[in-house]
């Protein structure tokens, strides 16, 4: 009996010892598992944070991509508008180039017309008299006749000698009905005295102009619609009115011949076809 009791006690003690070892092992295993769980939790949290960061990056890239797409569309629109503007600018430049070409052609024609008019006047009127000048002023042809050939001092009655010159001018004008002819009177600064018919030099310059116009229209057959009367008194002198010689230069009558370009260009072309034509005759000053 006593032996059995000892045996049971030994078994109980042995059983108690085995349980503690297993417990320690289980506890160690539990700690290891807990450590592993903690490690996994940390890694999981790290992965979640990384995922959130990557998501934010992806969202940012998507937003950037959308902005780029929108910008690309805007750039396409701007590029299209730019191309349209460039095309319009090129068209405008072409139009301006065409206008410049036309203007240059018109100026060339005008120069040819002016030269043709000068040549016609010189050939008809002649250049033997020093009191007659044929020239160009600002692109307009004129014949200037000294008043000592046209009128007596302080008078607006045209002399017989002047009528011969006016007949030659009338021939040029009558040959070209599209001309306009402006007769412009000029005086010196001397004050008029002893002539009740004249108020002042304005009056004298205009009446000298109208006297010539009456001869051109009534006696020489020039169409009155082509004629223009003008008086400048003493206010457009060629030289200072300080000597008798200078005053004589300033007393003059200018007859401006103002053709239309188209009609006179035709005249130039016809003149070129004539044998012995001298359209390049120099302009006398």
Protein backbone atom coordinates (compact mmCIF):
# COMPACT_ATOMS: atom_id res chain seq x y z
CA UNK A 1 0.00 0.00 0.00
CA UNK A 2 2.75 2.31 1.02
CA UNK A 3 4.54 1.42 -2.23
CA UNK A 4 1.52 2.30 -4.28
CA UNK A 5 1.20 5.66 -2.62
CA UNK A 6 4.82 6.47 -3.38
CA UNK A 7 4.32 5.48 -6.97
CA UNK A 8 1.24 7.69 -7.37
CA UNK A 9 3.04 10.59 -5.77
CA UNK A 10 5.93 10.17 -8.18
CA UNK A 11 3.55 10.04 -11.12
CA UNK A 12 1.72 13.16 -9.94
CA UNK A 13 5.00 15.01 -9.51
CA UNK A 14 6.16 13.90 -12.96
CA UNK A 15 2.87 15.01 -14.49
CA UNK A 16 3.16 18.41 -12.81
CA UNK A 17 6.69 18.92 -14.18
CA UNK A 18 5.68 18.07 -17.79
CA UNK A 19 2.81 20.58 -17.78
CA UNK A 20 5.09 23.46 -16.76
CA UNK A 21 7.46 22.73 -19.64
CA UNK A 22 4.64 22.61 -22.11
CA UNK A 23 3.28 25.79 -20.68
CA UNK A 24 6.64 27.48 -21.01
CA UNK A 25 6.88 26.24 -24.55
CA UNK A 26 3.39 27.40 -25.31
CA UNK A 27 4.10 30.74 -23.73
CA UNK A 28 7.26 31.10 -25.78
CA UNK A 29 5.36 30.11 -28.90
CA UNK A 30 2.64 32.61 -28.00
CA UNK A 31 5.24 35.39 -27.58
CA UNK A 32 6.80 34.47 -30.89
CA UNK A 33 3.38 34.53 -32.52
CA UNK A 34 2.61 37.87 -30.87
CA UNK A 35 5.92 39.30 -32.08
CA UNK A 36 5.19 38.00 -35.56
CA UNK A 37 1.71 39.53 -35.39
CA UNK A 38 3.14 42.86 -34.28
CA UNK A 39 5.68 42.72 -37.07
CA UNK A 40 2.93 41.93 -39.59
CA UNK A 41 0.81 44.76 -38.19
CA UNK A 42 3.67 47.20 -38.61
CA UNK A 43 4.29 45.98 -42.15
CA UNK A 44 0.56 46.15 -42.89
CA UNK A 45 0.36 49.72 -41.63
CA UNK A 46 3.45 50.56 -43.67
CA UNK A 47 1.87 48.99 -46.75
CA UNK A 48 -1.37 50.90 -46.14
CA UNK A 49 0.56 54.17 -45.83
CA UNK A 50 2.52 53.35 -48.99
CA UNK A 51 -0.74 52.47 -50.74
CA UNK A 52 -2.26 55.79 -49.67
CA UNK A 53 0.85 57.59 -50.94
CA UNK A 54 0.76 55.73 -54.23
CA UNK A 55 -2.96 56.49 -54.56
CA UNK A 56 -2.27 60.18 -54.00
CA UNK A 57 0.51 59.99 -56.60
CA UNK A 58 -1.80 58.24 -59.05
CA UNK A 59 -4.53 60.83 -58.43
CA UNK A 60 -1.98 63.60 -58.96
CA UNK A 61 -0.76 61.97 -62.16
CA UNK A 62 -4.33 61.58 -63.37
CA UNK A 63 -5.00 65.26 -62.64
CA UNK A 64 -1.77 66.25 -64.38
CA UNK A 65 -2.65 64.04 -67.33
CA UNK A 66 -6.11 65.61 -67.55
CA UNK A 67 -4.56 69.07 -67.39
CA UNK A 68 -2.13 68.10 -70.14
CA UNK A 69 -4.98 66.77 -72.26
CA UNK A 70 -6.92 70.01 -71.70
CA UNK A 71 -3.80 72.08 -72.42
CA UNK A 72 -3.17 70.02 -75.54
CA UNK A 73 -6.69 70.76 -76.73
CA UNK A 74 -6.19 74.47 -75.98
CA UNK A 75 -2.87 74.39 -77.79
CA UNK A 76 -4.54 72.71 -80.74
CA UNK A 77 -7.20 75.43 -80.76
CA UNK A 78 -4.55 78.13 -80.41
CA UNK A 79 -2.47 76.49 -83.10
CA UNK A 80 -5.48 76.39 -85.40
CA UNK A 81 -6.30 80.02 -84.66
CA UNK A 82 -2.65 80.92 -85.10
CA UNK A 83 -2.58 79.21 -88.47
CA UNK A 84 -5.77 81.04 -89.46
CA UNK A 85 -4.29 84.37 -88.32
CA UNK A 86 -1.08 83.69 -90.23
CA UNK A 87 -3.10 82.84 -93.34
CA UNK A 88 -5.11 86.06 -92.94
CA UNK A 89 -1.90 88.03 -92.44
CA UNK A 90 -0.41 86.50 -95.59
CA UNK A 91 -3.57 87.36 -97.53
CA UNK A 92 -3.38 90.92 -96.21
CA UNK A 93 0.28 91.14 -97.23
CA UNK A 94 -0.61 89.87 -100.71
CA UNK A 95 -3.34 92.49 -101.01
CA UNK A 96 -0.96 95.23 -99.87
CA UNK A 97 1.71 94.00 -102.29
CA UNK A 98 -0.89 94.12 -105.06
CA UNK A 99 -1.88 97.67 -104.07
CA UNK A 100 1.78 98.72 -103.98
CA UNK A 101 2.31 97.19 -107.42
CA UNK A 102 -0.74 99.03 -108.74
CA UNK A 103 0.45 102.29 -107.17
CA UNK A 104 3.91 101.81 -108.69
CA UNK A 105 2.32 101.12 -112.07
CA UNK A 106 0.15 104.23 -111.65
CA UNK A 107 3.20 106.34 -110.76
CA UNK A 108 5.07 104.97 -113.74
CA UNK A 109 2.11 105.79 -115.97
CA UNK A 110 1.84 109.24 -114.40
CA UNK A 111 5.52 109.92 -115.07
CA UNK A 112 5.07 108.78 -118.65
CA UNK A 113 1.97 110.95 -119.02
CA UNK A 114 3.74 113.97 -117.54
CA UNK A 115 6.68 113.55 -119.91
CA UNK A 116 4.31 113.17 -122.85
CA UNK A 117 2.48 116.39 -121.93
CA UNK A 118 5.73 118.32 -121.57
CA UNK A 119 6.91 116.99 -124.92
CA UNK A 120 3.62 117.92 -126.60
CA UNK A 121 3.68 121.46 -125.20
CA UNK A 122 7.31 121.99 -126.13
CA UNK A 123 6.77 120.73 -129.67
CA UNK A 124 3.69 122.93 -130.17
CA UNK A 125 4.60 126.08 -128.21
CA UNK A 126 8.36 126.02 -128.79
CA UNK A 127 11.11 127.12 -126.43
CA UNK A 128 12.61 130.09 -128.28
CA UNK A 129 11.19 132.79 -125.98
CA UNK A 130 12.74 133.44 -122.55
CA UNK A 131 9.38 134.71 -121.30
CA UNK A 132 7.91 131.22 -121.64
CA UNK A 133 8.75 128.30 -119.34
CA UNK A 134 7.40 124.76 -119.59
CA UNK A 135 8.01 122.69 -116.46
CA UNK A 136 6.55 120.32 -113.86
CA UNK A 137 5.42 121.35 -110.39
CA UNK A 138 4.50 118.55 -107.94
CA UNK A 139 3.72 116.19 -110.79
CA UNK A 140 1.59 118.72 -112.73
CA UNK A 141 2.72 120.19 -116.05
CA UNK A 142 2.50 123.95 -116.45
CA UNK A 143 3.44 126.66 -118.91
CA UNK A 144 4.48 129.91 -117.25
CA UNK A 145 4.21 133.12 -119.29
CA UNK A 146 5.75 136.37 -118.14
CA UNK A 147 3.26 139.19 -117.69
CA UNK A 148 5.38 141.53 -119.80
CA UNK A 149 4.42 139.28 -122.73
CA UNK A 150 0.77 138.96 -121.68
CA UNK A 151 -0.24 142.33 -120.25
CA UNK A 152 0.72 145.95 -119.86
CA UNK A 153 1.63 147.08 -116.33
CA UNK A 154 -1.45 147.23 -114.09
CA UNK A 155 -3.71 145.98 -116.90
CA UNK A 156 -5.59 142.75 -117.53
CA UNK A 157 -6.00 143.23 -121.30
CA UNK A 158 -4.19 140.41 -123.16
CA UNK A 159 -1.60 141.54 -125.74
CA UNK A 160 -1.67 140.42 -129.37
CA UNK A 161 1.71 138.69 -128.96
CA UNK A 162 0.33 136.59 -126.10
CA UNK A 163 -2.66 135.48 -128.17
CA UNK A 164 -0.31 133.60 -130.49
CA UNK A 165 1.12 131.62 -127.55
CA UNK A 166 -2.38 130.99 -126.14
CA UNK A 167 -3.49 129.66 -129.54
CA UNK A 168 -0.74 127.01 -129.33
CA UNK A 169 -1.78 126.06 -125.77
CA UNK A 170 -5.41 125.87 -126.92
CA UNK A 171 -4.38 123.47 -129.70
CA UNK A 172 -2.94 121.02 -127.13
CA UNK A 173 -6.01 121.32 -124.89
CA UNK A 174 -8.46 120.98 -127.78
CA UNK A 175 -6.69 117.85 -129.01
CA UNK A 176 -7.27 116.24 -125.63
CA UNK A 177 -10.79 116.98 -124.34
CA UNK A 178 -10.12 115.10 -121.07
CA UNK A 179 -7.54 117.68 -119.97
CA UNK A 180 -8.29 120.25 -117.31
CA UNK A 181 -6.61 123.60 -117.73
CA UNK A 182 -6.18 125.97 -114.76
CA UNK A 183 -5.09 129.55 -115.43
CA UNK A 184 -3.42 131.04 -112.34
CA UNK A 185 -2.54 134.74 -112.09
CA UNK A 186 0.31 136.13 -109.94
CA UNK A 187 1.31 139.73 -109.18
CA UNK A 188 4.08 141.57 -107.34
CA UNK A 189 3.57 143.53 -104.11
CA UNK A 190 3.20 146.98 -105.67
CA UNK A 191 -0.02 148.72 -104.63
CA UNK A 192 -2.36 149.51 -107.52
CA UNK A 193 -2.91 153.19 -108.21
CA UNK A 194 -5.09 155.13 -110.60
CA UNK A 195 -7.29 152.22 -111.76
CA UNK A 196 -10.87 152.41 -110.55
CA UNK A 197 -11.69 149.05 -112.14
CA UNK A 198 -9.29 147.17 -109.86
CA UNK A 199 -9.61 146.90 -106.09
CA UNK A 200 -6.25 145.29 -105.28
CA UNK A 201 -3.75 142.69 -106.47
CA UNK A 202 -6.22 139.91 -105.72
CA UNK A 203 -8.59 141.51 -108.15
CA UNK A 204 -5.84 142.03 -110.73
CA UNK A 205 -4.57 138.42 -110.56
CA UNK A 206 -8.09 136.98 -110.95
CA UNK A 207 -9.07 139.33 -113.79
CA UNK A 208 -5.88 138.47 -115.66
CA UNK A 209 -6.79 134.80 -115.28
CA UNK A 210 -10.37 135.30 -116.49
CA UNK A 211 -9.17 137.44 -119.41
CA UNK A 212 -7.01 134.55 -120.65
CA UNK A 213 -9.84 132.06 -120.07
CA UNK A 214 -12.23 134.16 -122.14
CA UNK A 215 -9.77 134.17 -125.05
CA UNK A 216 -9.22 130.39 -124.74
CA UNK A 217 -12.95 129.64 -124.65
CA UNK A 218 -14.48 132.34 -126.86
CA UNK A 219 -11.75 132.96 -129.41
CA UNK A 220 -9.85 129.66 -129.48
CA UNK A 221 -12.67 127.17 -128.98
CA UNK A 222 -11.57 125.51 -125.70
CA UNK A 223 -14.46 123.86 -123.84
CA UNK A 224 -15.25 126.15 -120.84
CA UNK A 225 -15.89 123.05 -118.72
CA UNK A 226 -12.17 122.27 -118.98
CA UNK A 227 -11.08 125.70 -117.72
CA UNK A 228 -10.43 126.85 -114.15
CA UNK A 229 -9.74 130.48 -113.16
CA UNK A 230 -7.48 131.21 -110.15
CA UNK A 231 -5.73 134.28 -108.73
CA UNK A 232 -2.96 134.20 -106.11
CA UNK A 233 -2.25 137.95 -105.82
CA UNK A 234 1.35 138.46 -104.57
CA UNK A 235 1.34 135.67 -101.99
CA UNK A 236 3.18 132.94 -103.96
CA UNK A 237 6.32 134.76 -105.18
CA UNK A 238 9.17 133.02 -106.95
CA UNK A 239 11.69 135.42 -105.41
CA UNK A 240 11.63 138.28 -102.92
CA UNK A 241 9.85 141.41 -104.18
CA UNK A 242 12.83 143.62 -103.35
CA UNK A 243 14.08 144.69 -106.80
CA UNK A 244 12.41 145.62 -110.09
CA UNK A 245 13.93 142.51 -111.70
CA UNK A 246 12.51 140.22 -109.01
CA UNK A 247 9.11 141.88 -109.18
CA UNK A 248 9.12 141.26 -112.93
CA UNK A 249 9.80 137.55 -112.30
CA UNK A 250 6.90 137.34 -109.85
CA UNK A 251 4.42 138.93 -112.26
CA UNK A 252 3.44 135.88 -114.26
CA UNK A 253 0.57 133.66 -115.35
CA UNK A 254 0.75 129.90 -115.06
CA UNK A 255 -1.41 127.61 -117.16
CA UNK A 256 -1.56 124.18 -115.53
CA UNK A 257 -2.40 121.21 -117.72
CA UNK A 258 -3.91 118.44 -115.59
CA UNK A 259 -4.65 115.32 -117.62
CA UNK A 260 -6.34 112.16 -116.45
CA UNK A 261 -3.80 109.35 -116.29
CA UNK A 262 -5.73 106.77 -118.31
CA UNK A 263 -6.33 109.01 -121.31
CA UNK A 264 -2.78 110.29 -121.39
CA UNK A 265 -1.32 106.85 -120.96
CA UNK A 266 -3.14 105.95 -124.17
CA UNK A 267 -1.53 108.99 -125.73
CA UNK A 268 1.90 107.82 -124.54
CA UNK A 269 1.34 104.36 -126.01
CA UNK A 270 0.30 105.88 -129.34
CA UNK A 271 3.29 108.18 -129.25
CA UNK A 272 5.62 105.22 -128.71
CA UNK A 273 4.27 103.58 -131.86
CA UNK A 274 4.99 106.65 -133.98
CA UNK A 275 8.38 106.58 -135.75
CA UNK A 276 10.84 109.15 -134.46
CA UNK A 277 8.94 109.68 -131.23
CA UNK A 278 10.96 111.46 -128.54
CA UNK A 279 9.13 110.72 -125.31
CA UNK A 280 12.37 110.98 -123.39
CA UNK A 281 12.90 114.68 -124.11
CA UNK A 282 14.46 116.48 -121.11
CA UNK A 283 12.32 118.83 -119.01
CA UNK A 284 13.57 122.39 -119.16
CA UNK A 285 13.77 124.36 -115.92
